[in-house]
């Protein structure tokens, strides 16, 4: 085989190798750009979804406020029927379009409970408070505000003492380790976690 042929073959192999490396680099660059585009798209979608929830969720929280023990006049079956209509309007509006499946299910369960009470009458259903708490917990979780807090502000309440201590720590910017286990302010153990103030175990909000 002559030297010219060998040189031509080597040149061809080098050209093929360079072309293959260039194609691989181009493909990798395209994949990185596509991944970056998808990340930006998902981030933008998540931001817009959160904004939509911040705009539409206050309405349903005002509706749920009618089921609070501190709402004023005692809740009646007729008022529960009106709340069911209001919840239905929210569900089929912007709020229901941006809520998670869990939140929608809780709102539907509460709507069904209120509607059934308005239809059948009688005393306040026992499960009404449970459905209300589930709806509040699910809606708050959609806003990255999970949990149902226990508010007991009577003199001598440990919860009131915990709140005062945490407020003092936040004001002084020097967190102190509270007594007991659990997770407290600034990542330190605290009694609030020990009591399990969560949507499942926490007491009913007012």
Protein backbone atom coordinates (compact mmCIF):
# COMPACT_ATOMS: atom_id res chain seq x y z
CA UNK A 1 0.00 0.00 0.00
CA UNK A 2 1.47 3.28 -1.05
CA UNK A 3 2.17 6.13 1.31
CA UNK A 4 -0.43 8.32 -0.38
CA UNK A 5 -3.19 5.79 0.23
CA UNK A 6 -2.23 5.42 3.90
CA UNK A 7 -2.20 9.17 4.29
CA UNK A 8 -5.62 9.44 2.67
CA UNK A 9 -7.04 6.73 4.94
CA UNK A 10 -5.62 8.36 8.05
CA UNK A 11 -7.00 11.72 6.98
CA UNK A 12 -10.41 10.16 6.42
CA UNK A 13 -10.37 8.49 9.84
CA UNK A 14 -9.34 11.72 11.53
CA UNK A 15 -12.11 13.58 9.71
CA UNK A 16 -14.67 10.96 10.77
CA UNK A 17 -13.42 11.10 14.36
CA UNK A 18 -13.60 14.89 14.43
CA UNK A 19 -17.10 14.81 12.92
CA UNK A 20 -18.26 12.21 15.48
CA UNK A 21 -16.84 14.20 18.39
CA UNK A 22 -18.43 17.38 17.06
CA UNK A 23 -21.79 15.66 16.66
CA UNK A 24 -21.57 14.25 20.20
CA UNK A 25 -20.71 17.66 21.64
CA UNK A 26 -23.55 19.27 19.71
CA UNK A 27 -26.01 16.63 20.92
CA UNK A 28 -24.85 17.06 24.51
CA UNK A 29 -25.23 20.84 24.22
CA UNK A 30 -28.75 20.44 22.83
CA UNK A 31 -29.66 18.13 25.70
CA UNK A 32 -28.32 20.61 28.25
CA UNK A 33 -30.27 23.43 26.64
CA UNK A 34 -33.42 21.32 26.57
CA UNK A 35 -32.99 20.37 30.23
CA UNK A 36 -32.43 24.04 31.12
CA UNK A 37 -35.50 25.02 29.13
CA UNK A 38 -37.63 22.40 30.87
CA UNK A 39 -36.33 23.53 34.27
CA UNK A 40 -37.15 27.16 33.49
CA UNK A 41 -40.58 26.15 32.20
CA UNK A 42 -41.40 24.12 35.31
CA UNK A 43 -40.12 26.88 37.59
CA UNK A 44 -42.22 29.47 35.80
CA UNK A 45 -45.27 27.21 35.91
CA UNK A 46 -44.81 26.56 39.63
CA UNK A 47 -44.52 30.29 40.28
CA UNK A 48 -47.64 31.13 38.29
CA UNK A 49 -49.54 28.30 39.99
CA UNK A 50 -48.55 29.60 43.42
CA UNK A 51 -49.65 33.11 42.44
CA UNK A 52 -53.01 31.77 41.25
CA UNK A 53 -53.49 30.00 44.57
CA UNK A 54 -52.59 33.12 46.54
CA UNK A 55 -55.25 34.99 44.57
CA UNK A 56 -58.03 32.39 44.76
CA UNK A 57 -57.53 30.69 48.14
CA UNK A 58 -58.49 33.67 50.35
CA UNK A 59 -62.06 33.29 49.08
CA UNK A 60 -62.37 29.68 50.21
CA UNK A 61 -60.78 30.49 53.57
CA UNK A 62 -63.45 33.17 54.08
CA UNK A 63 -66.08 30.56 53.27
CA UNK A 64 -64.54 28.13 55.73
CA UNK A 65 -64.55 30.87 58.34
CA UNK A 66 -68.32 30.48 58.45
CA UNK A 67 -67.78 27.04 60.00
CA UNK A 68 -65.62 28.40 62.80
CA UNK A 69 -66.84 28.19 66.38
CA UNK A 70 -66.04 31.89 66.70
CA UNK A 71 -67.98 32.91 63.58
CA UNK A 72 -70.71 34.58 65.65
CA UNK A 73 -74.19 33.12 65.40
CA UNK A 74 -74.50 29.33 65.71
CA UNK A 75 -74.29 27.46 62.44
CA UNK A 76 -77.62 26.12 61.24
CA UNK A 77 -78.58 23.61 58.57
CA UNK A 78 -79.81 26.45 56.36
CA UNK A 79 -76.50 28.32 56.71
CA UNK A 80 -74.65 25.09 55.93
CA UNK A 81 -76.61 24.86 52.68
CA UNK A 82 -75.49 28.37 51.75
CA UNK A 83 -71.89 27.41 52.55
CA UNK A 84 -72.25 24.37 50.30
CA UNK A 85 -73.35 26.63 47.44
CA UNK A 86 -70.39 28.96 48.08
CA UNK A 87 -67.94 26.03 48.16
CA UNK A 88 -69.42 24.71 44.93
CA UNK A 89 -68.91 28.10 43.26
CA UNK A 90 -65.29 28.21 44.40
CA UNK A 91 -64.65 24.64 43.29
CA UNK A 92 -65.81 25.33 39.74
CA UNK A 93 -63.94 28.62 39.57
CA UNK A 94 -60.23 29.51 39.44
CA UNK A 95 -59.64 27.99 42.88
CA UNK A 96 -60.70 24.51 41.86
CA UNK A 97 -58.59 24.77 38.71
CA UNK A 98 -55.34 25.34 40.60
CA UNK A 99 -55.93 23.24 43.74
CA UNK A 100 -54.31 19.85 44.20
CA UNK A 101 -56.39 16.68 44.09
CA UNK A 102 -56.18 16.37 47.88
CA UNK A 103 -57.49 19.90 48.43
CA UNK A 104 -60.26 19.42 45.89
CA UNK A 105 -61.30 16.17 47.52
CA UNK A 106 -61.42 17.75 50.96
CA UNK A 107 -63.50 20.68 49.68
CA UNK A 108 -65.87 18.29 47.91
CA UNK A 109 -66.23 16.20 51.06
CA UNK A 110 -67.03 19.31 53.10
CA UNK A 111 -69.50 20.51 50.46
CA UNK A 112 -71.25 17.14 50.48
CA UNK A 113 -71.44 17.16 54.29
CA UNK A 114 -72.94 20.67 54.37
CA UNK A 115 -75.41 19.83 51.60
CA UNK A 116 -76.53 16.65 53.32
CA UNK A 117 -77.08 18.52 56.61
CA UNK A 118 -79.11 21.20 54.81
CA UNK A 119 -81.22 18.50 53.17
CA UNK A 120 -81.78 16.22 56.17
CA UNK A 121 -81.73 18.79 58.98
CA UNK A 122 -81.15 17.76 62.57
CA UNK A 123 -78.15 18.53 64.80
CA UNK A 124 -74.76 19.55 63.49
CA UNK A 125 -73.02 16.50 61.94
CA UNK A 126 -70.05 15.24 63.94
CA UNK A 127 -67.92 14.84 60.81
CA UNK A 128 -68.38 18.47 59.75
CA UNK A 129 -65.45 19.73 61.83
CA UNK A 130 -63.27 16.90 60.57
CA UNK A 131 -63.96 17.75 56.93
CA UNK A 132 -63.36 21.42 57.65
CA UNK A 133 -59.99 20.69 59.26
CA UNK A 134 -59.00 18.43 56.36
CA UNK A 135 -59.89 21.15 53.87
CA UNK A 136 -57.94 23.80 55.80
CA UNK A 137 -54.92 21.52 56.12
CA UNK A 138 -54.92 20.59 52.42
CA UNK A 139 -55.34 24.20 51.27
CA UNK A 140 -52.57 25.39 53.58
CA UNK A 141 -50.29 22.64 52.30
CA UNK A 142 -50.89 23.86 48.74
CA UNK A 143 -49.49 27.21 49.92
CA UNK A 144 -46.52 25.55 51.66
CA UNK A 145 -48.09 26.32 55.05
CA UNK A 146 -48.73 22.81 56.39
CA UNK A 147 -50.29 21.95 59.72
CA UNK A 148 -53.14 23.01 61.96
CA UNK A 149 -52.03 24.98 64.99
CA UNK A 150 -53.52 24.63 68.45
CA UNK A 151 -54.41 28.02 69.92
CA UNK A 152 -54.92 27.84 73.67
CA UNK A 153 -54.33 31.26 75.19
CA UNK A 154 -55.71 30.58 78.66
CA UNK A 155 -53.54 31.62 81.61
CA UNK A 156 -50.97 28.94 82.36
CA UNK A 157 -51.20 27.39 78.89
CA UNK A 158 -47.96 25.78 77.77
CA UNK A 159 -48.75 26.78 74.19
CA UNK A 160 -49.00 30.44 75.21
CA UNK A 161 -45.66 30.16 77.01
CA UNK A 162 -44.08 28.55 73.94
CA UNK A 163 -45.35 31.33 71.68
CA UNK A 164 -44.02 34.01 74.01
CA UNK A 165 -40.62 32.34 74.21
CA UNK A 166 -40.37 31.94 70.42
CA UNK A 167 -41.35 35.56 69.87
CA UNK A 168 -38.69 36.69 72.33
CA UNK A 169 -36.09 34.49 70.65
CA UNK A 170 -37.00 35.86 67.21
CA UNK A 171 -36.83 39.45 68.48
CA UNK A 172 -33.44 38.92 70.12
CA UNK A 173 -32.03 36.88 67.19
CA UNK A 174 -30.60 34.38 69.62
CA UNK A 175 -32.60 31.15 69.68
CA UNK A 176 -32.57 29.29 72.98
CA UNK A 177 -33.01 25.52 73.19
CA UNK A 178 -36.49 24.89 74.60
CA UNK A 179 -37.12 22.07 76.98
CA UNK A 180 -38.08 18.67 75.65
CA UNK A 181 -37.58 16.98 72.28
CA UNK A 182 -38.88 17.70 68.82
CA UNK A 183 -38.11 20.39 66.31
CA UNK A 184 -38.39 24.00 67.48
CA UNK A 185 -37.49 27.40 66.18
CA UNK A 186 -34.19 27.75 64.31
CA UNK A 187 -33.99 23.98 63.86
CA UNK A 188 -33.67 23.28 67.62
CA UNK A 189 -35.74 20.77 69.58
CA UNK A 190 -39.01 22.17 70.81
CA UNK A 191 -42.17 20.98 72.51
CA UNK A 192 -44.41 21.88 69.57
CA UNK A 193 -43.12 18.90 67.58
CA UNK A 194 -43.49 16.67 70.63
CA UNK A 195 -47.16 17.53 70.87
CA UNK A 196 -47.57 16.78 67.17
CA UNK A 197 -49.40 19.91 66.03
CA UNK A 198 -50.24 18.53 62.62
CA UNK A 199 -53.31 18.23 60.46
CA UNK A 200 -53.80 14.64 61.58
CA UNK A 201 -53.20 14.88 65.32
CA UNK A 202 -53.77 18.54 66.11
CA UNK A 203 -57.03 19.76 67.64
CA UNK A 204 -59.70 21.44 65.60
CA UNK A 205 -59.04 25.04 64.69
CA UNK A 206 -61.67 27.51 65.82
